All heavy atoms as atom14 arrays in JSON, in Angstrom:
{
  "sequence": "SGGGLVQAGDSLRLSCAASGRTFSWYVMGWFRQAPG",
  "atom14_mask": [
    [1, 1, 1, 1, 1, 1, 0, 0, 0, 0, 0, 0, 0, 0],
    [1, 1, 1, 1, 0, 0, 0, 0, 0, 0, 0, 0, 0, 0],
    [1, 1, 1, 1, 0, 0, 0, 0, 0, 0, 0, 0, 0, 0],
    [1, 1, 1, 1, 0, 0, 0, 0, 0, 0, 0, 0, 0, 0],
    [1, 1, 1, 1, 1, 1, 1, 1, 0, 0, 0, 0, 0, 0],
    [1, 1, 1, 1, 1, 1, 1, 0, 0, 0, 0, 0, 0, 0],
    [1, 1, 1, 1, 1, 1, 1, 1, 1, 0, 0, 0, 0, 0],
    [1, 1, 1, 1, 1, 0, 0, 0, 0, 0, 0, 0, 0, 0],
    [1, 1, 1, 1, 0, 0, 0, 0, 0, 0, 0, 0, 0, 0],
    [1, 1, 1, 1, 1, 1, 1, 1, 0, 0, 0, 0, 0, 0],
    [1, 1, 1, 1, 1, 1, 0, 0, 0, 0, 0, 0, 0, 0],
    [1, 1, 1, 1, 1, 1, 1, 1, 0, 0, 0, 0, 0, 0],
    [1, 1, 1, 1, 1, 1, 1, 1, 1, 1, 1, 0, 0, 0],
    [1, 1, 1, 1, 1, 1, 1, 1, 0, 0, 0, 0, 0, 0],
    [1, 1, 1, 1, 1, 1, 0, 0, 0, 0, 0, 0, 0, 0],
    [1, 1, 1, 1, 1, 1, 0, 0, 0, 0, 0, 0, 0, 0],
    [1, 1, 1, 1, 1, 0, 0, 0, 0, 0, 0, 0, 0, 0],
    [1, 1, 1, 1, 1, 0, 0, 0, 0, 0, 0, 0, 0, 0],
    [1, 1, 1, 1, 1, 1, 0, 0, 0, 0, 0, 0, 0, 0],
    [1, 1, 1, 1, 0, 0, 0, 0, 0, 0, 0, 0, 0, 0],
    [1, 1, 1, 1, 1, 1, 1, 1, 1, 1, 1, 0, 0, 0],
    [1, 1, 1, 1, 1, 1, 1, 0, 0, 0, 0, 0, 0, 0],
    [1, 1, 1, 1, 1, 1, 1, 1, 1, 1, 1, 0, 0, 0],
    [1, 1, 1, 1, 1, 1, 0, 0, 0, 0, 0, 0, 0, 0],
    [1, 1, 1, 1, 1, 1, 1, 1, 1, 1, 1, 1, 1, 1],
    [1, 1, 1, 1, 1, 1, 1, 1, 1, 1, 1, 1, 0, 0],
    [1, 1, 1, 1, 1, 1, 1, 0, 0, 0, 0, 0, 0, 0],
    [1, 1, 1, 1, 1, 1, 1, 1, 0, 0, 0, 0, 0, 0],
    [1, 1, 1, 1, 0, 0, 0, 0, 0, 0, 0, 0, 0, 0],
    [1, 1, 1, 1, 1, 1, 1, 1, 1, 1, 1, 1, 1, 1],
    [1, 1, 1, 1, 1, 1, 1, 1, 1, 1, 1, 0, 0, 0],
    [1, 1, 1, 1, 1, 1, 1, 1, 1, 1, 1, 0, 0, 0],
    [1, 1, 1, 1, 1, 1, 1, 1, 1, 0, 0, 0, 0, 0],
    [1, 1, 1, 1, 1, 0, 0, 0, 0, 0, 0, 0, 0, 0],
    [1, 1, 1, 1, 1, 1, 1, 0, 0, 0, 0, 0, 0, 0],
    [1, 1, 1, 1, 0, 0, 0, 0, 0, 0, 0, 0, 0, 0]
  ],
  "atom14_positions": [
    [[-47.74, 154.79, -56.2], [-46.33, 155.13, -56.34], [-45.8, 155.57, -54.98], [-46.58, 155.85, -54.07], [-46.14, 156.24, -57.37], [-46.81, 157.41, -56.97], [0.0, 0.0, 0.0], [0.0, 0.0, 0.0], [0.0, 0.0, 0.0], [0.0, 0.0, 0.0], [0.0, 0.0, 0.0], [0.0, 0.0, 0.0], [0.0, 0.0, 0.0], [0.0, 0.0, 0.0]],
    [[-44.48, 155.62, -54.88], [-43.87, 156.15, -53.66], [-43.27, 155.12, -52.73], [-42.67, 155.48, -51.71], [0.0, 0.0, 0.0], [0.0, 0.0, 0.0], [0.0, 0.0, 0.0], [0.0, 0.0, 0.0], [0.0, 0.0, 0.0], [0.0, 0.0, 0.0], [0.0, 0.0, 0.0], [0.0, 0.0, 0.0], [0.0, 0.0, 0.0], [0.0, 0.0, 0.0]],
    [[-43.41, 153.85, -53.05], [-42.83, 152.83, -52.19], [-41.31, 152.83, -52.28], [-40.71, 153.5, -53.12], [0.0, 0.0, 0.0], [0.0, 0.0, 0.0], [0.0, 0.0, 0.0], [0.0, 0.0, 0.0], [0.0, 0.0, 0.0], [0.0, 0.0, 0.0], [0.0, 0.0, 0.0], [0.0, 0.0, 0.0], [0.0, 0.0, 0.0], [0.0, 0.0, 0.0]],
    [[-40.7, 152.06, -51.39], [-39.25, 151.97, -51.41], [-38.7, 151.32, -50.16], [-39.46, 150.78, -49.35], [0.0, 0.0, 0.0], [0.0, 0.0, 0.0], [0.0, 0.0, 0.0], [0.0, 0.0, 0.0], [0.0, 0.0, 0.0], [0.0, 0.0, 0.0], [0.0, 0.0, 0.0], [0.0, 0.0, 0.0], [0.0, 0.0, 0.0], [0.0, 0.0, 0.0]],
    [[-37.37, 151.39, -50.05], [-36.67, 150.83, -48.9], [-36.22, 151.97, -47.98], [-35.53, 152.9, -48.43], [-35.45, 150.04, -49.39], [-34.48, 149.54, -48.33], [-35.16, 148.55, -47.4], [-33.25, 148.91, -49.0], [0.0, 0.0, 0.0], [0.0, 0.0, 0.0], [0.0, 0.0, 0.0], [0.0, 0.0, 0.0], [0.0, 0.0, 0.0], [0.0, 0.0, 0.0]],
    [[-36.65, 151.89, -46.73], [-36.28, 152.92, -45.75], [-35.84, 152.24, -44.46], [-36.04, 151.04, -44.28], [-37.45, 153.88, -45.47], [-37.83, 154.65, -46.73], [-38.66, 153.13, -44.91], [0.0, 0.0, 0.0], [0.0, 0.0, 0.0], [0.0, 0.0, 0.0], [0.0, 0.0, 0.0], [0.0, 0.0, 0.0], [0.0, 0.0, 0.0], [0.0, 0.0, 0.0]],
    [[-35.31, 153.05, -43.55], [-34.91, 152.53, -42.25], [-36.0, 152.8, -41.23], [-36.83, 153.7, -41.41], [-33.6, 153.19, -41.81], [-32.4, 152.79, -42.66], [-31.1, 153.31, -42.11], [-31.07, 154.35, -41.42], [-30.01, 152.61, -42.38], [0.0, 0.0, 0.0], [0.0, 0.0, 0.0], [0.0, 0.0, 0.0], [0.0, 0.0, 0.0], [0.0, 0.0, 0.0]],
    [[-35.98, 152.03, -40.17], [-36.94, 152.24, -39.09], [-36.84, 153.67, -38.58], [-35.75, 154.2, -38.42], [-36.67, 151.26, -37.96], [0.0, 0.0, 0.0], [0.0, 0.0, 0.0], [0.0, 0.0, 0.0], [0.0, 0.0, 0.0], [0.0, 0.0, 0.0], [0.0, 0.0, 0.0], [0.0, 0.0, 0.0], [0.0, 0.0, 0.0], [0.0, 0.0, 0.0]],
    [[-38.01, 154.28, -38.39], [-38.09, 155.66, -37.95], [-38.22, 156.67, -39.08], [-38.56, 157.83, -38.83], [0.0, 0.0, 0.0], [0.0, 0.0, 0.0], [0.0, 0.0, 0.0], [0.0, 0.0, 0.0], [0.0, 0.0, 0.0], [0.0, 0.0, 0.0], [0.0, 0.0, 0.0], [0.0, 0.0, 0.0], [0.0, 0.0, 0.0], [0.0, 0.0, 0.0]],
    [[-37.97, 156.24, -40.29], [-38.08, 157.14, -41.44], [-39.54, 157.35, -41.84], [-40.46, 156.71, -41.3], [-37.31, 156.56, -42.63], [-35.83, 156.71, -42.48], [-35.38, 157.41, -41.53], [-35.09, 156.13, -43.31], [0.0, 0.0, 0.0], [0.0, 0.0, 0.0], [0.0, 0.0, 0.0], [0.0, 0.0, 0.0], [0.0, 0.0, 0.0], [0.0, 0.0, 0.0]],
    [[-39.72, 158.23, -42.79], [-41.05, 158.52, -43.33], [-41.1, 158.19, -44.82], [-40.06, 158.19, -45.5], [-41.41, 160.0, -43.13], [-41.47, 160.32, -41.75], [0.0, 0.0, 0.0], [0.0, 0.0, 0.0], [0.0, 0.0, 0.0], [0.0, 0.0, 0.0], [0.0, 0.0, 0.0], [0.0, 0.0, 0.0], [0.0, 0.0, 0.0], [0.0, 0.0, 0.0]],
    [[-42.31, 157.95, -45.28], [-42.52, 157.66, -46.7], [-43.93, 158.13, -47.05], [-44.84, 158.04, -46.22], [-42.38, 156.17, -46.95], [-41.94, 155.65, -48.32], [-40.59, 156.24, -48.73], [-41.86, 154.14, -48.29], [0.0, 0.0, 0.0], [0.0, 0.0, 0.0], [0.0, 0.0, 0.0], [0.0, 0.0, 0.0], [0.0, 0.0, 0.0], [0.0, 0.0, 0.0]],
    [[-44.1, 158.62, -48.26], [-45.42, 159.06, -48.7], [-45.81, 158.27, -49.93], [-45.13, 158.32, -50.95], [-45.44, 160.55, -49.01], [-46.82, 161.11, -49.3], [-46.77, 162.62, -49.5], [-48.1, 163.21, -49.64], [-48.82, 163.66, -48.62], [-48.33, 163.58, -47.39], [-50.02, 164.19, -48.82], [0.0, 0.0, 0.0], [0.0, 0.0, 0.0], [0.0, 0.0, 0.0]],
    [[-46.91, 157.55, -49.84], [-47.46, 156.83, -50.96], [-48.53, 157.67, -51.63], [-49.28, 158.39, -50.96], [-48.06, 155.51, -50.51], [-47.16, 154.55, -49.72], [-47.9, 153.27, -49.41], [-45.87, 154.28, -50.48], [0.0, 0.0, 0.0], [0.0, 0.0, 0.0], [0.0, 0.0, 0.0], [0.0, 0.0, 0.0], [0.0, 0.0, 0.0], [0.0, 0.0, 0.0]],
    [[-48.59, 157.56, -52.94], [-49.6, 158.28, -53.68], [-50.38, 157.32, -54.56], [-49.83, 156.37, -55.1], [-48.96, 159.37, -54.54], [-49.96, 160.15, -55.16], [0.0, 0.0, 0.0], [0.0, 0.0, 0.0], [0.0, 0.0, 0.0], [0.0, 0.0, 0.0], [0.0, 0.0, 0.0], [0.0, 0.0, 0.0], [0.0, 0.0, 0.0], [0.0, 0.0, 0.0]],
    [[-51.67, 157.58, -54.69], [-52.55, 156.78, -55.55], [-53.19, 157.73, -56.54], [-53.94, 158.63, -56.16], [-53.6, 156.09, -54.71], [-54.84, 155.18, -55.65], [0.0, 0.0, 0.0], [0.0, 0.0, 0.0], [0.0, 0.0, 0.0], [0.0, 0.0, 0.0], [0.0, 0.0, 0.0], [0.0, 0.0, 0.0], [0.0, 0.0, 0.0], [0.0, 0.0, 0.0]],
    [[-52.9, 157.52, -57.81], [-53.48, 158.34, -58.87], [-54.63, 157.58, -59.52], [-54.47, 156.43, -59.92], [-52.42, 158.67, -59.91], [0.0, 0.0, 0.0], [0.0, 0.0, 0.0], [0.0, 0.0, 0.0], [0.0, 0.0, 0.0], [0.0, 0.0, 0.0], [0.0, 0.0, 0.0], [0.0, 0.0, 0.0], [0.0, 0.0, 0.0], [0.0, 0.0, 0.0]],
    [[-55.78, 158.24, -59.61], [-56.97, 157.61, -60.15], [-57.33, 158.23, -61.5], [-57.16, 159.42, -61.71], [-58.13, 157.75, -59.18], [0.0, 0.0, 0.0], [0.0, 0.0, 0.0], [0.0, 0.0, 0.0], [0.0, 0.0, 0.0], [0.0, 0.0, 0.0], [0.0, 0.0, 0.0], [0.0, 0.0, 0.0], [0.0, 0.0, 0.0], [0.0, 0.0, 0.0]],
    [[-57.87, 157.41, -62.37], [-58.36, 157.89, -63.65], [-59.62, 157.1, -64.0], [-59.83, 155.99, -63.51], [-57.31, 157.73, -64.74], [-56.97, 156.37, -64.91], [0.0, 0.0, 0.0], [0.0, 0.0, 0.0], [0.0, 0.0, 0.0], [0.0, 0.0, 0.0], [0.0, 0.0, 0.0], [0.0, 0.0, 0.0], [0.0, 0.0, 0.0], [0.0, 0.0, 0.0]],
    [[-60.44, 157.7, -64.83], [-61.68, 157.04, -65.21], [-62.88, 157.84, -64.75], [-63.02, 159.01, -65.11], [0.0, 0.0, 0.0], [0.0, 0.0, 0.0], [0.0, 0.0, 0.0], [0.0, 0.0, 0.0], [0.0, 0.0, 0.0], [0.0, 0.0, 0.0], [0.0, 0.0, 0.0], [0.0, 0.0, 0.0], [0.0, 0.0, 0.0], [0.0, 0.0, 0.0]],
    [[-63.69, 157.26, -63.94], [-64.92, 157.91, -63.5], [-64.61, 158.97, -62.43], [-63.5, 159.09, -61.94], [-65.9, 156.87, -62.97], [-66.3, 155.84, -64.02], [-67.34, 154.9, -63.49], [-68.62, 155.57, -63.27], [-69.68, 154.98, -62.75], [-69.6, 153.71, -62.37], [-70.81, 155.62, -62.56], [0.0, 0.0, 0.0], [0.0, 0.0, 0.0], [0.0, 0.0, 0.0]],
    [[-65.62, 159.72, -62.08], [-65.47, 160.84, -61.15], [-64.9, 160.37, -59.82], [-65.53, 159.59, -59.1], [-66.82, 161.52, -60.93], [-67.36, 161.92, -62.19], [-66.66, 162.74, -60.04], [0.0, 0.0, 0.0], [0.0, 0.0, 0.0], [0.0, 0.0, 0.0], [0.0, 0.0, 0.0], [0.0, 0.0, 0.0], [0.0, 0.0, 0.0], [0.0, 0.0, 0.0]],
    [[-63.73, 160.89, -59.51], [-63.0, 160.43, -58.33], [-63.77, 160.67, -57.04], [-63.73, 159.85, -56.12], [-61.65, 161.17, -58.29], [-60.75, 160.76, -57.16], [-60.22, 159.49, -57.09], [-60.43, 161.67, -56.15], [-59.38, 159.12, -56.06], [-59.59, 161.31, -55.12], [-59.07, 160.03, -55.07], [0.0, 0.0, 0.0], [0.0, 0.0, 0.0], [0.0, 0.0, 0.0]],
    [[-64.47, 161.77, -56.97], [-65.18, 162.12, -55.73], [-66.36, 161.22, -55.43], [-66.97, 161.32, -54.36], [-65.64, 163.58, -55.78], [-66.54, 163.75, -56.85], [0.0, 0.0, 0.0], [0.0, 0.0, 0.0], [0.0, 0.0, 0.0], [0.0, 0.0, 0.0], [0.0, 0.0, 0.0], [0.0, 0.0, 0.0], [0.0, 0.0, 0.0], [0.0, 0.0, 0.0]],
    [[-66.69, 160.31, -56.32], [-67.76, 159.35, -56.06], [-67.29, 158.17, -55.21], [-68.09, 157.35, -54.8], [-68.31, 158.79, -57.37], [-69.04, 159.75, -58.22], [-69.37, 161.04, -57.93], [-69.54, 159.5, -59.54], [-70.05, 161.62, -58.97], [-70.17, 160.7, -59.98], [-69.5, 158.4, -60.39], [-70.76, 160.8, -61.24], [-70.11, 158.51, -61.64], [-70.73, 159.71, -62.05]],
    [[-65.99, 158.09, -54.98], [-65.41, 156.9, -54.37], [-64.86, 157.17, -52.97], [-64.13, 158.14, -52.74], [-64.29, 156.36, -55.23], [-64.77, 155.87, -56.57], [-64.86, 156.73, -57.65], [-65.13, 154.53, -56.75], [-65.32, 156.28, -58.87], [-65.58, 154.07, -57.97], [-65.68, 154.95, -59.03], [-66.13, 154.5, -60.24], [0.0, 0.0, 0.0], [0.0, 0.0, 0.0]],
    [[-65.18, 156.27, -52.07], [-64.43, 156.16, -50.82], [-63.1, 155.52, -51.18], [-63.05, 154.59, -51.98], [-65.18, 155.27, -49.8], [-64.31, 155.0, -48.58], [-66.5, 155.9, -49.41], [0.0, 0.0, 0.0], [0.0, 0.0, 0.0], [0.0, 0.0, 0.0], [0.0, 0.0, 0.0], [0.0, 0.0, 0.0], [0.0, 0.0, 0.0], [0.0, 0.0, 0.0]],
    [[-62.02, 156.05, -50.61], [-60.69, 155.53, -50.92], [-60.1, 154.84, -49.71], [-60.33, 155.25, -48.55], [-59.76, 156.66, -51.37], [-60.23, 157.34, -52.65], [-60.35, 156.22, -54.04], [-58.62, 155.73, -54.24], [0.0, 0.0, 0.0], [0.0, 0.0, 0.0], [0.0, 0.0, 0.0], [0.0, 0.0, 0.0], [0.0, 0.0, 0.0], [0.0, 0.0, 0.0]],
    [[-59.33, 153.81, -49.98], [-58.71, 153.08, -48.88], [-57.31, 152.62, -49.23], [-56.95, 152.55, -50.41], [0.0, 0.0, 0.0], [0.0, 0.0, 0.0], [0.0, 0.0, 0.0], [0.0, 0.0, 0.0], [0.0, 0.0, 0.0], [0.0, 0.0, 0.0], [0.0, 0.0, 0.0], [0.0, 0.0, 0.0], [0.0, 0.0, 0.0], [0.0, 0.0, 0.0]],
    [[-56.55, 152.36, -48.2], [-55.22, 151.74, -48.34], [-55.22, 150.45, -47.54], [-55.69, 150.42, -46.39], [-54.12, 152.67, -47.83], [-53.78, 153.78, -48.75], [-54.3, 155.06, -48.76], [-52.84, 153.74, -49.83], [-53.73, 155.8, -49.76], [-52.83, 155.01, -50.43], [-52.0, 152.76, -50.35], [-52.01, 155.33, -51.53], [-51.19, 153.07, -51.42], [-51.2, 154.34, -52.0]],
    [[-54.7, 149.42, -48.16], [-54.55, 148.12, -47.52], [-53.1, 147.68, -47.71], [-52.38, 148.25, -48.51], [-55.5, 147.1, -48.16], [-56.95, 147.37, -47.91], [-57.63, 148.36, -48.61], [-57.65, 146.65, -46.95], [-58.97, 148.63, -48.37], [-58.98, 146.9, -46.7], [-59.65, 147.88, -47.42], [0.0, 0.0, 0.0], [0.0, 0.0, 0.0], [0.0, 0.0, 0.0]],
    [[-52.7, 146.67, -46.96], [-51.34, 146.16, -47.12], [-51.31, 144.65, -46.9], [-52.15, 144.11, -46.19], [-50.38, 146.85, -46.16], [-50.62, 146.54, -44.69], [-49.69, 147.39, -43.83], [-49.84, 147.08, -42.4], [-49.23, 147.75, -41.43], [-48.4, 148.77, -41.72], [-49.42, 147.41, -40.16], [0.0, 0.0, 0.0], [0.0, 0.0, 0.0], [0.0, 0.0, 0.0]],
    [[-50.32, 144.03, -47.53], [-50.14, 142.59, -47.37], [-48.67, 142.29, -47.14], [-47.84, 142.53, -48.02], [-50.66, 141.83, -48.58], [-50.64, 140.33, -48.39], [-51.41, 139.6, -49.48], [-51.65, 140.12, -50.57], [-51.81, 138.38, -49.19], [0.0, 0.0, 0.0], [0.0, 0.0, 0.0], [0.0, 0.0, 0.0], [0.0, 0.0, 0.0], [0.0, 0.0, 0.0]],
    [[-48.38, 141.78, -45.96], [-47.02, 141.4, -45.61], [-46.78, 139.96, -46.08], [-47.73, 139.19, -46.25], [-46.82, 141.51, -44.11], [0.0, 0.0, 0.0], [0.0, 0.0, 0.0], [0.0, 0.0, 0.0], [0.0, 0.0, 0.0], [0.0, 0.0, 0.0], [0.0, 0.0, 0.0], [0.0, 0.0, 0.0], [0.0, 0.0, 0.0], [0.0, 0.0, 0.0]],
    [[-45.52, 139.59, -46.25], [-45.21, 138.23, -46.69], [-45.8, 137.18, -45.75], [-45.64, 137.26, -44.54], [-43.68, 138.2, -46.65], [-43.27, 139.61, -46.82], [-44.31, 140.42, -46.12], [0.0, 0.0, 0.0], [0.0, 0.0, 0.0], [0.0, 0.0, 0.0], [0.0, 0.0, 0.0], [0.0, 0.0, 0.0], [0.0, 0.0, 0.0], [0.0, 0.0, 0.0]],
    [[-46.53, 136.23, -46.34], [-47.09, 135.15, -45.54], [-48.33, 135.52, -44.76], [-48.83, 134.71, -43.97], [0.0, 0.0, 0.0], [0.0, 0.0, 0.0], [0.0, 0.0, 0.0], [0.0, 0.0, 0.0], [0.0, 0.0, 0.0], [0.0, 0.0, 0.0], [0.0, 0.0, 0.0], [0.0, 0.0, 0.0], [0.0, 0.0, 0.0], [0.0, 0.0, 0.0]]
  ]
}
């Protein structure tokens, strides 16, 4: 959650909420895919 439309120079905070197995067992990562 947390995505949106902003202007250059602005800030944004993305959040990832996990459920299921013990969260601390996992290395967490963020990836991105731009158009094309």
